[in-house]
Structure formats: C-alpha cells, structure tokens
Amino acid sequence: MDALNVARRHGKIEVPAPLAEMSASDLRFLCEMYRIPRGGSKTDLIQRLLASEYPVPDILMRARELQLGDRIVPYLHKEDLEDRLEEASLPVSGSRKEQVRRLIENRSLNARAILSDLPPTSITDLYHSILGRVPTISTGIMTTSSIEVLSIAPLTTRRSGRRPPLP
C-alpha cells in the first residue's frame, strides 16, 4: 500500500477510491472475475485492473457491489440468498458471503431488491454504519429513501470521515 500512496502523492497514478480502499483479497476476487492474473501486491492488482481492456466504470461498479455485499451479509438470510441464486440458475452452496460474491460475479446482484427485503431496523443499522448518522425521517419514507441512498452511496465515506451530499 505504501508504494500506491507514494505514486498517488506524486501524481503518477489516479486510483479510484473503491479500489484504493479494498483489501488485496477483494482485489484478487475482482481480478478473477475479469480473468486477470491475481498474483502480486495490491498495487500490482490495481494497476492490472485499471490497465485492462474492461471499462473502468464496470470495474468500479463491481468494487462497490463487493463493498456493499460485505456490509449486508450479516443481515441476509441464507434461504433468501439461495432463492436468488436459484432464480439466476446458479449453485446455492457456500457461506452467505460466498453466495453474495457469486451473485456479484454473475452480475445478478440487485442491491435495491435485497435492501428492500430487509426489515427497517436492519436498513437503519446499515445506514448508520455506512453514513455515520441515523435517518431522521418517518419509517415508511425512511425505508424507501434509505434503500435508495444505500444502494448508491459511496461505501467508504464512514472510514474517511467525508460525508456524501444528502439526497
């Protein structure tokens, strides 16, 4: 990570936030999705992803889905994930995290639909963990607008201390 930070400071490479803040394991998963070699340091993985023939916006979308998937796994029921996997004609075995990753890998993760199925308390917990604040609107409206915000919010805002603009 140090080499990546040095390169960023000297203007040699512009690394989009979702990739810069991902673990090497998650970056390897992305590389595997795109059939890019998975060996090397975090810097190597990021450089390979950005230099690949794949559109950067698509890579960043999958990176954000991985981040959201990691956040929502504790709130998901295995049976619900198995139903979604069966609908997509995908294998249903594995842990919840593996199941979510399978949905992402096969471009079958519908974040809005998954978030819509969560109870309001889980939506509130996710909203707070990602944005660092509790929604302050009535429950029915809160759930709908929170799902919208959570499905598009940058998931790294809590760690960096920056807050996204309010919807």
N, C-alpha and C. Protein backbone atom coordinates (compact mmCIF):
# COMPACT_ATOMS: atom_id res chain seq x y z
N MET A 1 0.82 -1.19 0.00
CA MET A 1 0.00 0.00 0.00
C MET A 1 0.86 1.26 0.00
N ASP A 2 2.05 1.18 0.59
CA ASP A 2 2.92 2.35 0.64
C ASP A 2 3.32 2.82 -0.76
N ALA A 3 3.65 1.89 -1.63
CA ALA A 3 4.03 2.26 -3.00
C ALA A 3 2.87 2.93 -3.72
N LEU A 4 1.66 2.45 -3.44
CA LEU A 4 0.47 3.04 -4.05
C LEU A 4 0.26 4.46 -3.55
N ASN A 5 0.43 4.67 -2.25
CA ASN A 5 0.26 6.02 -1.69
C ASN A 5 1.32 6.97 -2.23
N VAL A 6 2.56 6.51 -2.33
CA VAL A 6 3.63 7.35 -2.87
C VAL A 6 3.32 7.73 -4.32
N ALA A 7 2.90 6.75 -5.12
CA ALA A 7 2.57 7.02 -6.52
C ALA A 7 1.42 8.01 -6.61
N ARG A 8 0.42 7.86 -5.75
CA ARG A 8 -0.72 8.78 -5.78
C ARG A 8 -0.28 10.20 -5.42
N ARG A 9 0.58 10.32 -4.41
CA ARG A 9 1.04 11.66 -3.99
C ARG A 9 1.86 12.35 -5.06
N HIS A 10 2.60 11.60 -5.83
CA HIS A 10 3.44 12.18 -6.87
C HIS A 10 2.71 12.32 -8.20
N GLY A 11 1.42 12.04 -8.20
CA GLY A 11 0.61 12.22 -9.40
C GLY A 11 0.86 11.21 -10.49
N LYS A 12 1.49 10.11 -10.16
CA LYS A 12 1.80 9.11 -11.18
C LYS A 12 0.61 8.23 -11.51
N ILE A 13 -0.29 8.05 -10.56
CA ILE A 13 -1.43 7.18 -10.79
C ILE A 13 -2.64 7.73 -10.04
N GLU A 14 -3.77 7.71 -10.70
CA GLU A 14 -5.01 8.13 -10.05
C GLU A 14 -5.83 6.88 -9.79
N VAL A 15 -5.96 6.53 -8.53
CA VAL A 15 -6.67 5.31 -8.15
C VAL A 15 -8.04 5.68 -7.61
N PRO A 16 -9.09 5.20 -8.25
CA PRO A 16 -10.44 5.47 -7.75
C PRO A 16 -10.61 4.90 -6.33
N ALA A 17 -11.34 5.63 -5.50
CA ALA A 17 -11.49 5.29 -4.09
C ALA A 17 -11.92 3.85 -3.83
N PRO A 18 -12.90 3.31 -4.55
CA PRO A 18 -13.29 1.95 -4.19
C PRO A 18 -12.14 0.95 -4.29
N LEU A 19 -11.29 1.12 -5.29
CA LEU A 19 -10.18 0.18 -5.46
C LEU A 19 -9.09 0.43 -4.41
N ALA A 20 -8.79 1.68 -4.15
CA ALA A 20 -7.73 2.02 -3.20
C ALA A 20 -8.03 1.53 -1.80
N GLU A 21 -9.30 1.43 -1.45
CA GLU A 21 -9.67 1.05 -0.09
C GLU A 21 -10.04 -0.42 0.06
N MET A 22 -9.94 -1.18 -1.01
CA MET A 22 -10.26 -2.61 -0.94
C MET A 22 -9.07 -3.41 -0.44
N SER A 23 -9.37 -4.54 0.16
CA SER A 23 -8.31 -5.44 0.60
C SER A 23 -7.71 -6.16 -0.62
N ALA A 24 -6.53 -6.70 -0.43
CA ALA A 24 -5.89 -7.45 -1.51
C ALA A 24 -6.74 -8.66 -1.89
N SER A 25 -7.38 -9.26 -0.92
CA SER A 25 -8.25 -10.42 -1.18
C SER A 25 -9.41 -10.03 -2.09
N ASP A 26 -10.05 -8.88 -1.81
CA ASP A 26 -11.15 -8.42 -2.65
C ASP A 26 -10.66 -8.04 -4.05
N LEU A 27 -9.48 -7.45 -4.13
CA LEU A 27 -8.91 -7.11 -5.44
C LEU A 27 -8.61 -8.38 -6.24
N ARG A 28 -8.15 -9.41 -5.56
CA ARG A 28 -7.90 -10.68 -6.25
C ARG A 28 -9.21 -11.27 -6.77
N PHE A 29 -10.27 -11.13 -5.99
CA PHE A 29 -11.58 -11.60 -6.44
C PHE A 29 -12.00 -10.85 -7.71
N LEU A 30 -11.82 -9.53 -7.71
CA LEU A 30 -12.14 -8.74 -8.91
C LEU A 30 -11.30 -9.20 -10.10
N CYS A 31 -10.02 -9.41 -9.87
CA CYS A 31 -9.15 -9.87 -10.96
C CYS A 31 -9.63 -11.22 -11.49
N GLU A 32 -10.01 -12.10 -10.58
CA GLU A 32 -10.51 -13.40 -11.01
C GLU A 32 -11.79 -13.24 -11.84
N MET A 33 -12.67 -12.33 -11.43
CA MET A 33 -13.90 -12.08 -12.19
C MET A 33 -13.61 -11.68 -13.62
N TYR A 34 -12.58 -10.86 -13.79
CA TYR A 34 -12.24 -10.33 -15.11
C TYR A 34 -11.16 -11.14 -15.82
N ARG A 35 -10.80 -12.28 -15.24
CA ARG A 35 -9.80 -13.17 -15.85
C ARG A 35 -8.46 -12.46 -16.04
N ILE A 36 -8.08 -11.73 -14.99
CA ILE A 36 -6.81 -11.00 -14.96
C ILE A 36 -5.92 -11.73 -13.96
N PRO A 37 -4.61 -11.84 -14.21
CA PRO A 37 -3.73 -12.52 -13.25
C PRO A 37 -3.90 -11.95 -11.83
N ARG A 38 -3.93 -12.87 -10.85
CA ARG A 38 -4.24 -12.49 -9.47
C ARG A 38 -3.03 -12.38 -8.57
N GLY A 39 -1.85 -12.58 -9.07
CA GLY A 39 -0.66 -12.54 -8.24
C GLY A 39 -0.13 -11.12 -8.08
N GLY A 40 0.71 -10.95 -7.07
CA GLY A 40 1.36 -9.67 -6.87
C GLY A 40 0.79 -8.87 -5.72
N SER A 41 1.32 -7.67 -5.59
CA SER A 41 0.92 -6.79 -4.50
C SER A 41 -0.42 -6.11 -4.82
N LYS A 42 -0.93 -5.42 -3.84
CA LYS A 42 -2.17 -4.66 -4.02
C LYS A 42 -2.01 -3.64 -5.15
N THR A 43 -0.86 -2.99 -5.19
CA THR A 43 -0.57 -2.02 -6.25
C THR A 43 -0.60 -2.69 -7.62
N ASP A 44 0.01 -3.86 -7.72
CA ASP A 44 0.01 -4.60 -8.99
C ASP A 44 -1.41 -4.94 -9.42
N LEU A 45 -2.21 -5.39 -8.48
CA LEU A 45 -3.59 -5.78 -8.80
C LEU A 45 -4.40 -4.58 -9.30
N ILE A 46 -4.26 -3.45 -8.62
CA ILE A 46 -4.98 -2.24 -9.03
C ILE A 46 -4.53 -1.80 -10.41
N GLN A 47 -3.23 -1.80 -10.63
CA GLN A 47 -2.72 -1.38 -11.93
C GLN A 47 -3.22 -2.30 -13.05
N ARG A 48 -3.26 -3.61 -12.77
CA ARG A 48 -3.76 -4.54 -13.79
C ARG A 48 -5.23 -4.30 -14.09
N LEU A 49 -6.02 -4.06 -13.04
CA LEU A 49 -7.44 -3.80 -13.24
C LEU A 49 -7.65 -2.53 -14.08
N LEU A 50 -6.93 -1.46 -13.73
CA LEU A 50 -7.11 -0.19 -14.43
C LEU A 50 -6.56 -0.23 -15.85
N ALA A 51 -5.54 -1.05 -16.09
CA ALA A 51 -4.94 -1.13 -17.42
C ALA A 51 -5.61 -2.18 -18.31
N SER A 52 -6.56 -2.92 -17.76
CA SER A 52 -7.20 -3.99 -18.52
C SER A 52 -8.10 -3.42 -19.61
N GLU A 53 -8.57 -4.30 -20.45
CA GLU A 53 -9.45 -3.90 -21.56
C GLU A 53 -10.87 -3.63 -21.10
N TYR A 54 -11.15 -3.92 -19.84
CA TYR A 54 -12.50 -3.75 -19.32
C TYR A 54 -12.76 -2.29 -18.95
N PRO A 55 -14.00 -1.83 -19.12
CA PRO A 55 -14.30 -0.43 -18.79
C PRO A 55 -14.15 -0.17 -17.28
N VAL A 56 -13.45 0.88 -16.95
CA VAL A 56 -13.22 1.22 -15.54
C VAL A 56 -14.54 1.41 -14.79
N PRO A 57 -15.56 2.07 -15.38
CA PRO A 57 -16.83 2.19 -14.64
C PRO A 57 -17.43 0.83 -14.26
N ASP A 58 -17.28 -0.17 -15.12
CA ASP A 58 -17.79 -1.50 -14.79
C ASP A 58 -17.01 -2.11 -13.63
N ILE A 59 -15.70 -1.96 -13.64
CA ILE A 59 -14.86 -2.47 -12.55
C ILE A 59 -15.22 -1.78 -11.24
N LEU A 60 -15.42 -0.46 -11.30
CA LEU A 60 -15.77 0.28 -10.08
C LEU A 60 -17.15 -0.12 -9.56
N MET A 61 -18.08 -0.42 -10.46
CA MET A 61 -19.41 -0.88 -10.05
C MET A 61 -19.29 -2.19 -9.29
N ARG A 62 -18.50 -3.12 -9.81
CA ARG A 62 -18.31 -4.41 -9.14
C ARG A 62 -17.60 -4.22 -7.80
N ALA A 63 -16.65 -3.27 -7.74
CA ALA A 63 -15.96 -2.98 -6.48
C ALA A 63 -16.95 -2.46 -5.43
N ARG A 64 -17.84 -1.56 -5.85
CA ARG A 64 -18.85 -1.04 -4.92
C ARG A 64 -19.82 -2.14 -4.49
N GLU A 65 -20.17 -3.02 -5.42
CA GLU A 65 -21.05 -4.13 -5.06
C GLU A 65 -20.37 -5.05 -4.03
N LEU A 66 -19.07 -5.28 -4.19
CA LEU A 66 -18.35 -6.09 -3.20
C LEU A 66 -18.38 -5.43 -1.83
N GLN A 67 -18.17 -4.11 -1.81
CA GLN A 67 -18.20 -3.39 -0.54
C GLN A 67 -19.58 -3.47 0.10
N LEU A 68 -20.62 -3.26 -0.70
CA LEU A 68 -21.98 -3.35 -0.17
C LEU A 68 -22.27 -4.78 0.28
N GLY A 69 -21.86 -5.76 -0.52
CA GLY A 69 -22.08 -7.16 -0.17
C GLY A 69 -21.47 -7.51 1.18
N ASP A 70 -20.25 -7.02 1.42
CA ASP A 70 -19.60 -7.28 2.71
C ASP A 70 -20.38 -6.65 3.86
N ARG A 71 -20.98 -5.50 3.61
CA ARG A 71 -21.76 -4.81 4.65
C ARG A 71 -23.10 -5.49 4.93
N ILE A 72 -23.75 -6.03 3.91
CA ILE A 72 -25.10 -6.55 4.10
C ILE A 72 -25.14 -8.03 4.47
N VAL A 73 -24.04 -8.76 4.29
CA VAL A 73 -24.03 -10.19 4.57
C VAL A 73 -24.59 -10.52 5.96
N PRO A 74 -24.22 -9.81 7.02
CA PRO A 74 -24.76 -10.19 8.34
C PRO A 74 -26.28 -10.06 8.45
N TYR A 75 -26.90 -9.29 7.59
CA TYR A 75 -28.34 -9.05 7.66
C TYR A 75 -29.15 -9.99 6.76
N LEU A 76 -28.47 -10.77 5.94
CA LEU A 76 -29.16 -11.61 4.97
C LEU A 76 -29.42 -13.01 5.51
N HIS A 77 -30.53 -13.58 5.10
CA HIS A 77 -30.85 -14.96 5.45
C HIS A 77 -30.38 -15.87 4.32
N LYS A 78 -29.79 -16.97 4.70
CA LYS A 78 -29.25 -17.92 3.73
C LYS A 78 -30.33 -18.40 2.76
N GLU A 79 -31.54 -18.61 3.26
CA GLU A 79 -32.63 -19.09 2.41
C GLU A 79 -32.98 -18.07 1.32
N ASP A 80 -32.98 -16.80 1.68
CA ASP A 80 -33.26 -15.75 0.69
C ASP A 80 -32.19 -15.72 -0.39
N LEU A 81 -30.94 -15.86 0.02
CA LEU A 81 -29.85 -15.89 -0.95
C LEU A 81 -29.95 -17.12 -1.85
N GLU A 82 -30.30 -18.24 -1.26
CA GLU A 82 -30.46 -19.46 -2.06
C GLU A 82 -31.56 -19.28 -3.11
N ASP A 83 -32.66 -18.62 -2.72
CA ASP A 83 -33.75 -18.35 -3.67
C ASP A 83 -33.25 -17.48 -4.82
N ARG A 84 -32.50 -16.44 -4.51
CA ARG A 84 -31.97 -15.55 -5.55
C ARG A 84 -31.00 -16.30 -6.47
N LEU A 85 -30.19 -17.16 -5.88
CA LEU A 85 -29.25 -17.94 -6.68
C LEU A 85 -29.99 -18.93 -7.58
N GLU A 86 -31.02 -19.57 -7.06
CA GLU A 86 -31.80 -20.50 -7.87
C GLU A 86 -32.48 -19.77 -9.03
N GLU A 87 -33.01 -18.58 -8.75
CA GLU A 87 -33.64 -17.78 -9.82
C GLU A 87 -32.65 -17.47 -10.93
N ALA A 88 -31.38 -17.28 -10.56
CA ALA A 88 -30.35 -16.96 -11.54
C ALA A 88 -29.68 -18.22 -12.10
N SER A 89 -30.20 -19.39 -11.74
CA SER A 89 -29.63 -20.69 -12.17
C SER A 89 -28.17 -20.84 -11.78
N LEU A 90 -27.87 -20.44 -10.55
CA LEU A 90 -26.51 -20.53 -10.03
C LEU A 90 -26.47 -21.52 -8.86
N PRO A 91 -25.31 -22.11 -8.59
CA PRO A 91 -25.20 -23.02 -7.44
C PRO A 91 -25.55 -22.30 -6.14
N VAL A 92 -26.21 -23.00 -5.23
CA VAL A 92 -26.68 -22.37 -3.99
C VAL A 92 -25.79 -22.69 -2.79
N SER A 93 -24.76 -23.49 -2.97
CA SER A 93 -23.92 -23.90 -1.84
C SER A 93 -23.00 -22.76 -1.40
N GLY A 94 -22.41 -22.93 -0.21
CA GLY A 94 -21.44 -21.98 0.29
C GLY A 94 -21.98 -21.11 1.40
N SER A 95 -21.08 -20.32 1.97
CA SER A 95 -21.47 -19.39 3.03
C SER A 95 -22.25 -18.22 2.43
N ARG A 96 -22.85 -17.42 3.27
CA ARG A 96 -23.59 -16.25 2.78
C ARG A 96 -22.67 -15.32 1.99
N LYS A 97 -21.45 -15.14 2.48
CA LYS A 97 -20.51 -14.27 1.76
C LYS A 97 -20.19 -14.84 0.38
N GLU A 98 -19.96 -16.15 0.32
CA GLU A 98 -19.68 -16.78 -0.98
C GLU A 98 -20.89 -16.67 -1.91
N GLN A 99 -22.09 -16.78 -1.35
CA GLN A 99 -23.30 -16.67 -2.16
C GLN A 99 -23.45 -15.26 -2.73
N VAL A 100 -23.20 -14.24 -1.89
CA VAL A 100 -23.29 -12.86 -2.37
C VAL A 100 -22.25 -12.62 -3.46
N ARG A 101 -21.05 -13.12 -3.25
CA ARG A 101 -20.00 -12.96 -4.25
C ARG A 101 -20.35 -13.66 -5.56
N ARG A 102 -21.01 -14.79 -5.47
CA ARG A 102 -21.44 -15.49 -6.68
C ARG A 102 -22.45 -14.65 -7.45
N LEU A 103 -23.37 -13.99 -6.72
CA LEU A 103 -24.33 -13.10 -7.38
C LEU A 103 -23.61 -11.94 -8.05
N ILE A 104 -22.62 -11.37 -7.37
CA ILE A 104 -21.86 -10.26 -7.94
C ILE A 104 -21.09 -10.72 -9.18
N GLU A 105 -20.41 -11.84 -9.06
CA GLU A 105 -19.59 -12.36 -10.16
C GLU A 105 -20.42 -12.61 -11.41
N ASN A 106 -21.67 -13.02 -11.22
CA ASN A 106 -22.54 -13.32 -12.35
C ASN A 106 -23.47 -12.17 -12.69
N ARG A 107 -23.18 -11.00 -12.14
CA ARG A 107 -23.94 -9.77 -12.40
C ARG A 107 -25.44 -9.96 -12.12
N SER A 108 -25.71 -10.68 -11.04
CA SER A 108 -27.09 -10.95 -10.66
C SER A 108 -27.46 -10.32 -9.32
N LEU A 109 -26.57 -9.49 -8.77
CA LEU A 109 -26.87 -8.83 -7.50
C LEU A 109 -27.74 -7.61 -7.77
N ASN A 110 -28.93 -7.62 -7.22
CA ASN A 110 -29.82 -6.47 -7.32
C ASN A 110 -29.88 -5.85 -5.93
N ALA A 111 -29.02 -4.87 -5.69
CA ALA A 111 -28.89 -4.27 -4.36
C ALA A 111 -30.21 -3.70 -3.87
N ARG A 112 -30.93 -3.01 -4.73
CA ARG A 112 -32.21 -2.42 -4.30
C ARG A 112 -33.20 -3.48 -3.85
N ALA A 113 -33.28 -4.58 -4.60
CA ALA A 113 -34.21 -5.65 -4.24
C ALA A 113 -33.81 -6.30 -2.91
N ILE A 114 -32.52 -6.54 -2.73
CA ILE A 114 -32.06 -7.15 -1.48
C ILE A 114 -32.31 -6.21 -0.31
N LEU A 115 -31.97 -4.94 -0.49
CA LEU A 115 -32.19 -3.97 0.59
C LEU A 115 -33.68 -3.81 0.89
N SER A 116 -34.51 -3.89 -0.13
CA SER A 116 -35.96 -3.75 0.06
C SER A 116 -36.54 -4.87 0.91
N ASP A 117 -35.90 -6.03 0.87
CA ASP A 117 -36.38 -7.17 1.64
C ASP A 117 -35.94 -7.14 3.11
N LEU A 118 -35.02 -6.25 3.45
CA LEU A 118 -34.54 -6.18 4.83
C LEU A 118 -35.54 -5.44 5.71
N PRO A 119 -35.62 -5.81 6.99
CA PRO A 119 -36.51 -5.08 7.89
C PRO A 119 -35.98 -3.66 8.14
N PRO A 120 -36.87 -2.73 8.51
CA PRO A 120 -36.46 -1.34 8.73
C PRO A 120 -35.31 -1.18 9.73
N THR A 121 -35.26 -2.01 10.76
CA THR A 121 -34.17 -1.88 11.73
C THR A 121 -32.82 -2.20 11.09
N SER A 122 -32.79 -3.17 10.20
CA SER A 122 -31.54 -3.50 9.51
C SER A 122 -31.13 -2.38 8.56
N ILE A 123 -32.11 -1.78 7.89
CA ILE A 123 -31.83 -0.65 6.99
C ILE A 123 -31.23 0.50 7.81
N THR A 124 -31.82 0.78 8.97
CA THR A 124 -31.31 1.85 9.83
C THR A 124 -29.89 1.55 10.28
N ASP A 125 -29.62 0.30 10.69
CA ASP A 125 -28.27 -0.09 11.11
C ASP A 125 -27.26 0.09 9.98
N LEU A 126 -27.62 -0.36 8.78
CA LEU A 126 -26.73 -0.21 7.62
C LEU A 126 -26.49 1.26 7.30
N TYR A 127 -27.56 2.03 7.30
CA TYR A 127 -27.47 3.46 7.01
C TYR A 127 -26.49 4.11 7.98
N HIS A 128 -26.63 3.78 9.26
CA HIS A 128 -25.75 4.36 10.28
C HIS A 128 -24.31 3.88 10.10
N SER A 129 -24.11 2.60 9.80
CA SER A 129 -22.74 2.09 9.67
C SER A 129 -22.02 2.66 8.45
N ILE A 130 -22.79 2.97 7.40
CA ILE A 130 -22.17 3.49 6.18
C ILE A 130 -22.03 5.00 6.21
N LEU A 131 -23.07 5.69 6.65
CA LEU A 131 -23.07 7.14 6.58
C LEU A 131 -22.75 7.83 7.90
N GLY A 132 -22.73 7.08 9.00
CA GLY A 132 -22.36 7.66 10.28
C GLY A 132 -23.44 8.48 10.94
N ARG A 133 -24.66 8.30 10.50
CA ARG A 133 -25.78 9.01 11.12
C ARG A 133 -27.04 8.17 10.96
N VAL A 134 -28.03 8.50 11.77
CA VAL A 134 -29.30 7.78 11.73
C VAL A 134 -30.27 8.57 10.87
N PRO A 135 -31.05 7.89 10.01
CA PRO A 135 -32.04 8.62 9.21
C PRO A 135 -33.03 9.33 10.14
N THR A 136 -33.45 10.52 9.74
CA THR A 136 -34.31 11.33 10.61
C THR A 136 -35.69 11.58 10.02
N ILE A 137 -36.17 10.69 9.18
CA ILE A 137 -37.49 10.85 8.60
C ILE A 137 -38.38 9.69 9.01
N SER A 138 -39.69 9.79 8.78
CA SER A 138 -40.62 8.77 9.23
C SER A 138 -40.28 7.40 8.64
N THR A 139 -40.72 6.35 9.32
CA THR A 139 -40.32 4.99 9.00
C THR A 139 -40.60 4.59 7.55
N GLY A 140 -41.81 4.78 7.05
CA GLY A 140 -42.12 4.36 5.68
C GLY A 140 -41.28 5.08 4.66
N ILE A 141 -41.16 6.39 4.81
CA ILE A 141 -40.34 7.18 3.89
C ILE A 141 -38.87 6.87 4.12
N MET A 142 -38.51 6.69 5.39
CA MET A 142 -37.12 6.40 5.73
C MET A 142 -36.64 5.14 5.03
N THR A 143 -37.43 4.10 5.06
CA THR A 143 -37.01 2.84 4.45
C THR A 143 -36.79 3.01 2.96
N THR A 144 -37.74 3.64 2.27
CA THR A 144 -37.62 3.82 0.82
C THR A 144 -36.44 4.70 0.46
N SER A 145 -36.30 5.84 1.12
CA SER A 145 -35.20 6.74 0.78
C SER A 145 -33.86 6.18 1.26
N SER A 146 -33.85 5.47 2.37
CA SER A 146 -32.60 4.88 2.85
C SER A 146 -32.10 3.81 1.88
N ILE A 147 -33.02 3.02 1.34
CA ILE A 147 -32.63 2.00 0.37
C ILE A 147 -32.00 2.67 -0.84
N GLU A 148 -32.60 3.75 -1.30
CA GLU A 148 -32.05 4.48 -2.45
C GLU A 148 -30.65 4.99 -2.13
N VAL A 149 -30.48 5.61 -0.96
CA VAL A 149 -29.19 6.16 -0.57
C VAL A 149 -28.16 5.05 -0.43
N LEU A 150 -28.53 3.96 0.26
CA LEU A 150 -27.59 2.87 0.49
C LEU A 150 -27.16 2.18 -0.80
N SER A 151 -28.06 2.11 -1.76
CA SER A 151 -27.72 1.41 -2.99
C SER A 151 -26.79 2.22 -3.89
N ILE A 152 -26.69 3.53 -3.66
CA ILE A 152 -25.81 4.35 -4.49
C ILE A 152 -24.73 5.08 -3.71
N ALA A 153 -24.80 5.08 -2.38
CA ALA A 153 -23.84 5.83 -1.56
C ALA A 153 -22.45 5.25 -1.68
N PRO A 154 -21.43 6.13 -1.69
CA PRO A 154 -20.06 5.62 -1.61
C PRO A 154 -19.90 4.93 -0.26
N LEU A 155 -19.44 3.70 -0.26
CA LEU A 155 -19.40 2.92 0.96
C LEU A 155 -18.19 3.20 1.81
N THR A 156 -17.32 4.06 1.38
CA THR A 156 -16.11 4.34 2.13
C THR A 156 -16.20 5.64 2.91
N THR A 157 -17.33 6.32 2.86
CA THR A 157 -17.43 7.63 3.49
C THR A 157 -17.24 7.57 4.99
N ARG A 158 -17.71 6.52 5.63
CA ARG A 158 -17.61 6.41 7.08
C ARG A 158 -16.15 6.36 7.52
N ARG A 159 -15.32 5.59 6.83
CA ARG A 159 -13.92 5.44 7.21
C ARG A 159 -13.13 6.72 6.97
N SER A 160 -13.41 7.37 5.88
CA SER A 160 -12.59 8.54 5.52
C SER A 160 -13.02 9.80 6.23
N GLY A 161 -14.21 9.78 6.83
CA GLY A 161 -14.69 10.96 7.52
C GLY A 161 -15.44 11.92 6.62
N ARG A 162 -15.42 11.66 5.31
CA ARG A 162 -16.18 12.51 4.40
C ARG A 162 -17.60 12.01 4.31
N ARG A 163 -18.53 12.91 4.14
CA ARG A 163 -19.92 12.54 4.00
C ARG A 163 -20.39 12.88 2.60
N PRO A 164 -21.19 11.97 2.01
CA PRO A 164 -21.73 12.28 0.69
C PRO A 164 -22.82 13.34 0.82
N PRO A 165 -23.14 14.02 -0.27
CA PRO A 165 -24.22 15.00 -0.21
C PRO A 165 -25.54 14.31 0.10
N LEU A 166 -26.40 15.00 0.82
CA LEU A 166 -27.70 14.45 1.15
C LEU A 166 -28.57 14.39 -0.09
N PRO A 167 -29.43 13.34 -0.18
CA PRO A 167 -30.28 13.24 -1.36
C PRO A 167 -31.36 14.30 -1.38
